[in-house]
Amino acid sequence: MKRRAAGIWIAALLSAISPLTTTANGLPIYIEDNHAGTFYWLAPNIDLDQPHTLILFDAHSDASGIFDSDKIRSALRNVASKEDRQTALGRWRSKGVVQCFNWIEPLMPAPIEKVIWVPAEKLSESQIREY
């Protein structure tokens, strides 16, 4: 039986939660200003065979479709070693294979089984300030 991540509030841009192993002291949090960088961090750092719930704090869903995403999903798993996976990820990053607007889709439906998207509130003119 899976435990749900309901009720967990995180002051971060992004966190990946494993529904089976979430504890008060074991919640992994990753903060990234380059959304595509999140893909390149998650791919080698989370268990690709375990279901995860992603909590995304962002104004945009970042879940547009990506060309050949099935090939990307397959290539993440079909490597001889973790080093080979890192080499492929480095090559994809340098070629811009995964972008800021489509980085989630290649990780679905596994390892990311569910996305909880927390969009930004709309700001009124009086709330927008220049610094």
N, C-alpha and C. Protein backbone atom coordinates (compact mmCIF):
# COMPACT_ATOMS: atom_id res chain seq x y z
N MET A 1 0.84 -1.17 0.00
CA MET A 1 0.00 0.00 0.00
C MET A 1 0.89 1.24 0.00
N LYS A 2 0.59 2.18 -0.84
CA LYS A 2 1.39 3.40 -0.94
C LYS A 2 0.89 4.43 0.05
N ARG A 3 1.83 5.18 0.62
CA ARG A 3 1.46 6.33 1.44
C ARG A 3 1.41 7.53 0.53
N ARG A 4 0.46 8.39 0.72
CA ARG A 4 0.34 9.60 -0.09
C ARG A 4 1.15 10.72 0.53
N ALA A 5 1.58 11.65 -0.32
CA ALA A 5 2.39 12.78 0.12
C ALA A 5 1.52 13.96 0.55
N ALA A 6 0.24 13.76 0.70
CA ALA A 6 -0.67 14.85 1.07
C ALA A 6 -0.27 15.45 2.40
N GLY A 7 -0.39 16.77 2.49
CA GLY A 7 -0.08 17.44 3.74
C GLY A 7 1.37 17.83 3.88
N ILE A 8 2.22 17.47 2.95
CA ILE A 8 3.63 17.83 3.02
C ILE A 8 3.83 19.15 2.29
N TRP A 9 4.32 20.15 2.97
CA TRP A 9 4.58 21.45 2.36
C TRP A 9 6.08 21.68 2.35
N ILE A 10 6.60 22.06 1.21
CA ILE A 10 8.03 22.22 1.04
C ILE A 10 8.32 23.59 0.47
N ALA A 11 9.21 24.33 1.12
CA ALA A 11 9.59 25.64 0.61
C ALA A 11 10.74 25.44 -0.37
N ALA A 12 10.41 24.88 -1.51
CA ALA A 12 11.40 24.60 -2.53
C ALA A 12 10.72 24.67 -3.88
N LEU A 13 11.49 24.74 -4.92
CA LEU A 13 10.93 24.77 -6.26
C LEU A 13 10.47 23.39 -6.71
N LEU A 14 11.14 22.37 -6.24
CA LEU A 14 10.88 21.04 -6.75
C LEU A 14 11.30 20.00 -5.74
N SER A 15 10.54 18.95 -5.61
CA SER A 15 10.98 17.81 -4.82
C SER A 15 10.45 16.54 -5.43
N ALA A 16 11.21 15.49 -5.31
CA ALA A 16 10.77 14.18 -5.78
C ALA A 16 10.54 13.33 -4.55
N ILE A 17 9.36 12.73 -4.45
CA ILE A 17 9.01 11.98 -3.26
C ILE A 17 8.71 10.55 -3.65
N SER A 18 9.35 9.61 -3.01
CA SER A 18 9.00 8.21 -3.21
C SER A 18 7.87 7.89 -2.25
N PRO A 19 6.68 7.53 -2.74
CA PRO A 19 5.55 7.27 -1.86
C PRO A 19 5.79 6.12 -0.90
N LEU A 20 6.72 5.23 -1.22
CA LEU A 20 6.96 4.09 -0.35
C LEU A 20 7.97 4.37 0.75
N THR A 21 8.80 5.39 0.60
CA THR A 21 9.88 5.60 1.55
C THR A 21 9.92 7.00 2.15
N THR A 22 8.89 7.78 1.99
CA THR A 22 8.89 9.14 2.51
C THR A 22 8.86 9.13 4.03
N THR A 23 9.81 9.82 4.63
CA THR A 23 9.83 10.00 6.07
C THR A 23 10.13 11.46 6.35
N ALA A 24 9.92 11.88 7.58
CA ALA A 24 10.17 13.27 7.93
C ALA A 24 11.63 13.65 7.70
N ASN A 25 12.54 12.71 7.85
CA ASN A 25 13.97 12.99 7.70
C ASN A 25 14.52 12.56 6.35
N GLY A 26 13.70 11.97 5.47
CA GLY A 26 14.22 11.42 4.23
C GLY A 26 13.61 11.99 2.98
N LEU A 27 13.06 13.17 3.03
CA LEU A 27 12.43 13.77 1.86
C LEU A 27 13.49 14.45 1.00
N PRO A 28 13.77 13.89 -0.20
CA PRO A 28 14.78 14.52 -1.05
C PRO A 28 14.25 15.80 -1.68
N ILE A 29 15.03 16.86 -1.62
CA ILE A 29 14.64 18.14 -2.20
C ILE A 29 15.77 18.59 -3.13
N TYR A 30 15.39 19.02 -4.31
CA TYR A 30 16.36 19.51 -5.28
C TYR A 30 15.84 20.84 -5.80
N ILE A 31 16.67 21.87 -5.76
CA ILE A 31 16.29 23.20 -6.24
C ILE A 31 17.15 23.52 -7.46
N GLU A 32 16.51 23.96 -8.52
CA GLU A 32 17.22 24.20 -9.78
C GLU A 32 16.61 25.41 -10.47
N ASP A 33 17.46 26.28 -11.00
CA ASP A 33 16.94 27.41 -11.74
C ASP A 33 16.83 27.10 -13.24
N ASN A 34 17.48 26.05 -13.69
CA ASN A 34 17.37 25.60 -15.08
C ASN A 34 16.50 24.35 -15.07
N HIS A 35 15.28 24.47 -15.52
CA HIS A 35 14.34 23.36 -15.42
C HIS A 35 14.84 22.09 -16.09
N ALA A 36 15.47 22.20 -17.23
CA ALA A 36 16.01 21.01 -17.89
C ALA A 36 17.08 20.36 -17.02
N GLY A 37 17.78 21.15 -16.23
CA GLY A 37 18.79 20.62 -15.32
C GLY A 37 18.18 19.67 -14.30
N THR A 38 16.92 19.86 -13.98
CA THR A 38 16.25 18.97 -13.05
C THR A 38 16.17 17.56 -13.63
N PHE A 39 15.87 17.45 -14.91
CA PHE A 39 15.86 16.14 -15.56
C PHE A 39 17.23 15.49 -15.43
N TYR A 40 18.28 16.26 -15.72
CA TYR A 40 19.63 15.71 -15.71
C TYR A 40 20.11 15.38 -14.30
N TRP A 41 19.47 15.93 -13.28
CA TRP A 41 19.79 15.55 -11.91
C TRP A 41 18.97 14.34 -11.49
N LEU A 42 17.67 14.33 -11.82
CA LEU A 42 16.81 13.22 -11.41
C LEU A 42 17.22 11.91 -12.09
N ALA A 43 17.49 11.94 -13.38
CA ALA A 43 17.75 10.72 -14.15
C ALA A 43 18.81 9.82 -13.52
N PRO A 44 19.94 10.35 -13.06
CA PRO A 44 20.91 9.45 -12.44
C PRO A 44 20.76 9.30 -10.91
N ASN A 45 19.88 10.08 -10.29
CA ASN A 45 19.84 10.10 -8.82
C ASN A 45 18.60 9.48 -8.18
N ILE A 46 17.58 9.14 -8.96
CA ILE A 46 16.44 8.46 -8.36
C ILE A 46 16.34 7.06 -8.93
N ASP A 47 15.72 6.18 -8.19
CA ASP A 47 15.53 4.80 -8.63
C ASP A 47 14.53 4.80 -9.77
N LEU A 48 14.97 4.44 -10.96
CA LEU A 48 14.12 4.47 -12.16
C LEU A 48 13.05 3.39 -12.14
N ASP A 49 13.18 2.42 -11.24
CA ASP A 49 12.23 1.31 -11.19
C ASP A 49 11.21 1.44 -10.06
N GLN A 50 11.32 2.49 -9.25
CA GLN A 50 10.37 2.73 -8.17
C GLN A 50 9.45 3.89 -8.54
N PRO A 51 8.17 3.80 -8.19
CA PRO A 51 7.26 4.92 -8.49
C PRO A 51 7.54 6.11 -7.58
N HIS A 52 7.52 7.29 -8.16
CA HIS A 52 7.76 8.53 -7.43
C HIS A 52 6.64 9.52 -7.73
N THR A 53 6.41 10.41 -6.78
CA THR A 53 5.51 11.53 -6.97
C THR A 53 6.35 12.78 -7.01
N LEU A 54 6.15 13.60 -8.00
CA LEU A 54 6.89 14.84 -8.16
C LEU A 54 5.99 16.00 -7.72
N ILE A 55 6.49 16.84 -6.83
CA ILE A 55 5.77 18.05 -6.46
C ILE A 55 6.50 19.19 -7.14
N LEU A 56 5.80 19.84 -8.06
CA LEU A 56 6.40 20.89 -8.88
C LEU A 56 5.82 22.24 -8.50
N PHE A 57 6.66 23.12 -7.97
CA PHE A 57 6.29 24.49 -7.66
C PHE A 57 6.78 25.35 -8.81
N ASP A 58 5.86 25.74 -9.70
CA ASP A 58 6.26 26.45 -10.90
C ASP A 58 5.05 27.13 -11.52
N ALA A 59 5.28 28.21 -12.23
CA ALA A 59 4.19 28.90 -12.93
C ALA A 59 3.70 28.09 -14.13
N HIS A 60 4.53 27.19 -14.66
CA HIS A 60 4.20 26.40 -15.85
C HIS A 60 4.30 24.92 -15.51
N SER A 61 3.56 24.10 -16.22
CA SER A 61 3.55 22.66 -15.93
C SER A 61 4.82 21.95 -16.38
N ASP A 62 5.55 22.51 -17.34
CA ASP A 62 6.79 21.92 -17.87
C ASP A 62 6.60 20.49 -18.39
N ALA A 63 5.40 20.16 -18.84
CA ALA A 63 5.11 18.79 -19.25
C ALA A 63 4.71 18.66 -20.72
N SER A 64 5.24 19.50 -21.57
CA SER A 64 4.99 19.36 -23.00
C SER A 64 5.60 18.05 -23.49
N GLY A 65 5.03 17.51 -24.56
CA GLY A 65 5.56 16.29 -25.12
C GLY A 65 6.93 16.51 -25.74
N ILE A 66 7.72 15.46 -25.80
CA ILE A 66 9.07 15.54 -26.37
C ILE A 66 9.19 14.48 -27.47
N PHE A 67 9.82 14.86 -28.57
CA PHE A 67 10.03 13.94 -29.69
C PHE A 67 10.86 12.75 -29.23
N ASP A 68 10.45 11.55 -29.57
CA ASP A 68 11.17 10.32 -29.24
C ASP A 68 11.34 10.10 -27.73
N SER A 69 10.36 10.49 -26.94
CA SER A 69 10.49 10.30 -25.49
C SER A 69 10.59 8.82 -25.10
N ASP A 70 9.97 7.93 -25.89
CA ASP A 70 10.10 6.50 -25.60
C ASP A 70 11.56 6.05 -25.74
N LYS A 71 12.26 6.61 -26.73
CA LYS A 71 13.68 6.27 -26.89
C LYS A 71 14.50 6.79 -25.72
N ILE A 72 14.16 7.98 -25.23
CA ILE A 72 14.87 8.54 -24.08
C ILE A 72 14.63 7.68 -22.85
N ARG A 73 13.37 7.32 -22.60
CA ARG A 73 13.05 6.46 -21.45
C ARG A 73 13.82 5.14 -21.52
N SER A 74 13.83 4.55 -22.70
CA SER A 74 14.52 3.28 -22.88
C SER A 74 16.04 3.44 -22.70
N ALA A 75 16.60 4.48 -23.26
CA ALA A 75 18.04 4.71 -23.17
C ALA A 75 18.50 4.97 -21.73
N LEU A 76 17.64 5.56 -20.91
CA LEU A 76 17.99 5.78 -19.50
C LEU A 76 18.20 4.46 -18.77
N ARG A 77 17.43 3.45 -19.15
CA ARG A 77 17.46 2.16 -18.46
C ARG A 77 18.42 1.16 -19.08
N ASN A 78 18.58 1.21 -20.38
CA ASN A 78 19.38 0.21 -21.08
C ASN A 78 20.82 0.66 -21.27
N VAL A 79 21.50 0.75 -20.15
CA VAL A 79 22.92 1.11 -20.17
C VAL A 79 23.71 0.03 -19.43
N ALA A 80 24.97 -0.10 -19.78
CA ALA A 80 25.81 -1.11 -19.15
C ALA A 80 26.22 -0.71 -17.73
N SER A 81 26.28 0.61 -17.48
CA SER A 81 26.74 1.08 -16.17
C SER A 81 26.20 2.48 -15.90
N LYS A 82 26.33 2.92 -14.66
CA LYS A 82 25.94 4.28 -14.30
C LYS A 82 26.79 5.30 -15.05
N GLU A 83 28.05 4.94 -15.31
CA GLU A 83 28.93 5.83 -16.06
C GLU A 83 28.44 6.03 -17.49
N ASP A 84 27.96 4.93 -18.10
CA ASP A 84 27.40 5.03 -19.45
C ASP A 84 26.15 5.91 -19.46
N ARG A 85 25.33 5.81 -18.40
CA ARG A 85 24.15 6.68 -18.30
C ARG A 85 24.59 8.13 -18.21
N GLN A 86 25.60 8.43 -17.40
CA GLN A 86 26.11 9.80 -17.27
C GLN A 86 26.64 10.33 -18.59
N THR A 87 27.31 9.48 -19.34
CA THR A 87 27.83 9.88 -20.65
C THR A 87 26.68 10.24 -21.58
N ALA A 88 25.64 9.41 -21.61
CA ALA A 88 24.47 9.70 -22.46
C ALA A 88 23.80 11.00 -22.01
N LEU A 89 23.64 11.18 -20.71
CA LEU A 89 23.01 12.41 -20.20
C LEU A 89 23.83 13.65 -20.57
N GLY A 90 25.14 13.55 -20.48
CA GLY A 90 26.01 14.66 -20.88
C GLY A 90 25.87 14.99 -22.36
N ARG A 91 25.78 13.96 -23.18
CA ARG A 91 25.61 14.16 -24.62
C ARG A 91 24.25 14.81 -24.92
N TRP A 92 23.20 14.32 -24.26
CA TRP A 92 21.87 14.90 -24.47
C TRP A 92 21.83 16.35 -24.02
N ARG A 93 22.49 16.63 -22.88
CA ARG A 93 22.49 18.00 -22.36
C ARG A 93 23.18 18.94 -23.34
N SER A 94 24.33 18.51 -23.88
CA SER A 94 25.07 19.38 -24.80
C SER A 94 24.31 19.61 -26.11
N LYS A 95 23.44 18.65 -26.50
CA LYS A 95 22.66 18.78 -27.73
C LYS A 95 21.28 19.37 -27.49
N GLY A 96 20.93 19.64 -26.22
CA GLY A 96 19.62 20.21 -25.91
C GLY A 96 18.46 19.26 -26.16
N VAL A 97 18.68 17.98 -25.94
CA VAL A 97 17.63 16.98 -26.19
C VAL A 97 16.42 17.23 -25.29
N VAL A 98 16.67 17.54 -24.03
CA VAL A 98 15.59 17.82 -23.07
C VAL A 98 15.65 19.30 -22.75
N GLN A 99 14.50 19.97 -22.82
CA GLN A 99 14.43 21.42 -22.62
C GLN A 99 13.59 21.75 -21.38
N CYS A 100 13.57 23.03 -21.02
CA CYS A 100 12.87 23.47 -19.81
C CYS A 100 11.36 23.25 -19.89
N PHE A 101 10.79 23.16 -21.07
CA PHE A 101 9.35 23.03 -21.21
C PHE A 101 8.89 21.58 -21.36
N ASN A 102 9.83 20.61 -21.43
CA ASN A 102 9.41 19.22 -21.65
C ASN A 102 10.20 18.21 -20.81
N TRP A 103 10.84 18.65 -19.75
CA TRP A 103 11.73 17.77 -19.01
C TRP A 103 11.02 16.69 -18.20
N ILE A 104 9.75 16.87 -17.87
CA ILE A 104 9.04 15.89 -17.04
C ILE A 104 8.59 14.68 -17.86
N GLU A 105 8.10 14.92 -19.06
CA GLU A 105 7.49 13.87 -19.87
C GLU A 105 8.38 12.64 -20.09
N PRO A 106 9.69 12.77 -20.33
CA PRO A 106 10.50 11.57 -20.52
C PRO A 106 10.64 10.71 -19.26
N LEU A 107 10.28 11.26 -18.10
CA LEU A 107 10.38 10.52 -16.84
C LEU A 107 9.04 9.90 -16.44
N MET A 108 8.02 10.04 -17.31
CA MET A 108 6.70 9.50 -17.01
C MET A 108 6.39 8.36 -17.98
N PRO A 109 5.68 7.36 -17.60
CA PRO A 109 5.03 7.14 -16.32
C PRO A 109 5.94 6.55 -15.26
N ALA A 110 7.16 6.27 -15.62
CA ALA A 110 8.12 5.78 -14.64
C ALA A 110 9.46 6.43 -14.92
N PRO A 111 10.13 6.89 -13.93
CA PRO A 111 9.86 6.71 -12.51
C PRO A 111 8.83 7.67 -11.91
N ILE A 112 8.48 8.74 -12.62
CA ILE A 112 7.50 9.67 -12.06
C ILE A 112 6.10 9.18 -12.41
N GLU A 113 5.44 8.68 -11.39
CA GLU A 113 4.11 8.11 -11.55
C GLU A 113 3.03 9.19 -11.48
N LYS A 114 3.31 10.24 -10.71
CA LYS A 114 2.30 11.27 -10.50
C LYS A 114 3.01 12.61 -10.32
N VAL A 115 2.39 13.67 -10.86
CA VAL A 115 2.90 15.03 -10.68
C VAL A 115 1.83 15.85 -9.96
N ILE A 116 2.25 16.48 -8.87
CA ILE A 116 1.39 17.44 -8.19
C ILE A 116 1.96 18.81 -8.53
N TRP A 117 1.21 19.54 -9.32
CA TRP A 117 1.67 20.84 -9.80
C TRP A 117 1.06 21.93 -8.95
N VAL A 118 1.92 22.74 -8.36
CA VAL A 118 1.49 23.89 -7.56
C VAL A 118 1.87 25.13 -8.34
N PRO A 119 0.91 25.68 -9.11
CA PRO A 119 1.23 26.84 -9.95
C PRO A 119 1.33 28.11 -9.11
N ALA A 120 2.01 29.08 -9.64
CA ALA A 120 2.15 30.37 -8.98
C ALA A 120 0.82 31.09 -8.97
N GLU A 121 0.63 31.92 -7.96
CA GLU A 121 -0.56 32.76 -7.94
C GLU A 121 -0.41 33.85 -8.98
N LYS A 122 -1.50 34.32 -9.47
CA LYS A 122 -1.46 35.45 -10.40
C LYS A 122 -1.25 36.72 -9.58
N LEU A 123 -0.33 37.56 -10.02
CA LEU A 123 -0.02 38.80 -9.31
C LEU A 123 -0.76 39.98 -9.93
N SER A 124 -1.25 40.84 -9.09
CA SER A 124 -1.86 42.07 -9.57
C SER A 124 -0.74 43.06 -9.87
N GLU A 125 -1.07 44.13 -10.61
CA GLU A 125 -0.09 45.17 -10.92
C GLU A 125 0.58 45.73 -9.67
N SER A 126 -0.21 45.89 -8.60
CA SER A 126 0.34 46.46 -7.37
C SER A 126 1.31 45.53 -6.65
N GLN A 127 1.26 44.22 -6.95
CA GLN A 127 2.16 43.27 -6.32
C GLN A 127 3.48 43.10 -7.08
N ILE A 128 3.55 43.57 -8.31
CA ILE A 128 4.75 43.42 -9.12
C ILE A 128 5.68 44.58 -8.82
N ARG A 129 6.90 44.23 -8.43
CA ARG A 129 7.89 45.27 -8.11
C ARG A 129 9.17 45.02 -8.90
N GLU A 130 9.84 46.08 -9.23
CA GLU A 130 11.15 45.95 -9.86
C GLU A 130 12.22 46.17 -8.81
N TYR A 131 13.25 45.37 -8.87
CA TYR A 131 14.36 45.52 -7.91
C TYR A 131 15.63 45.85 -8.63
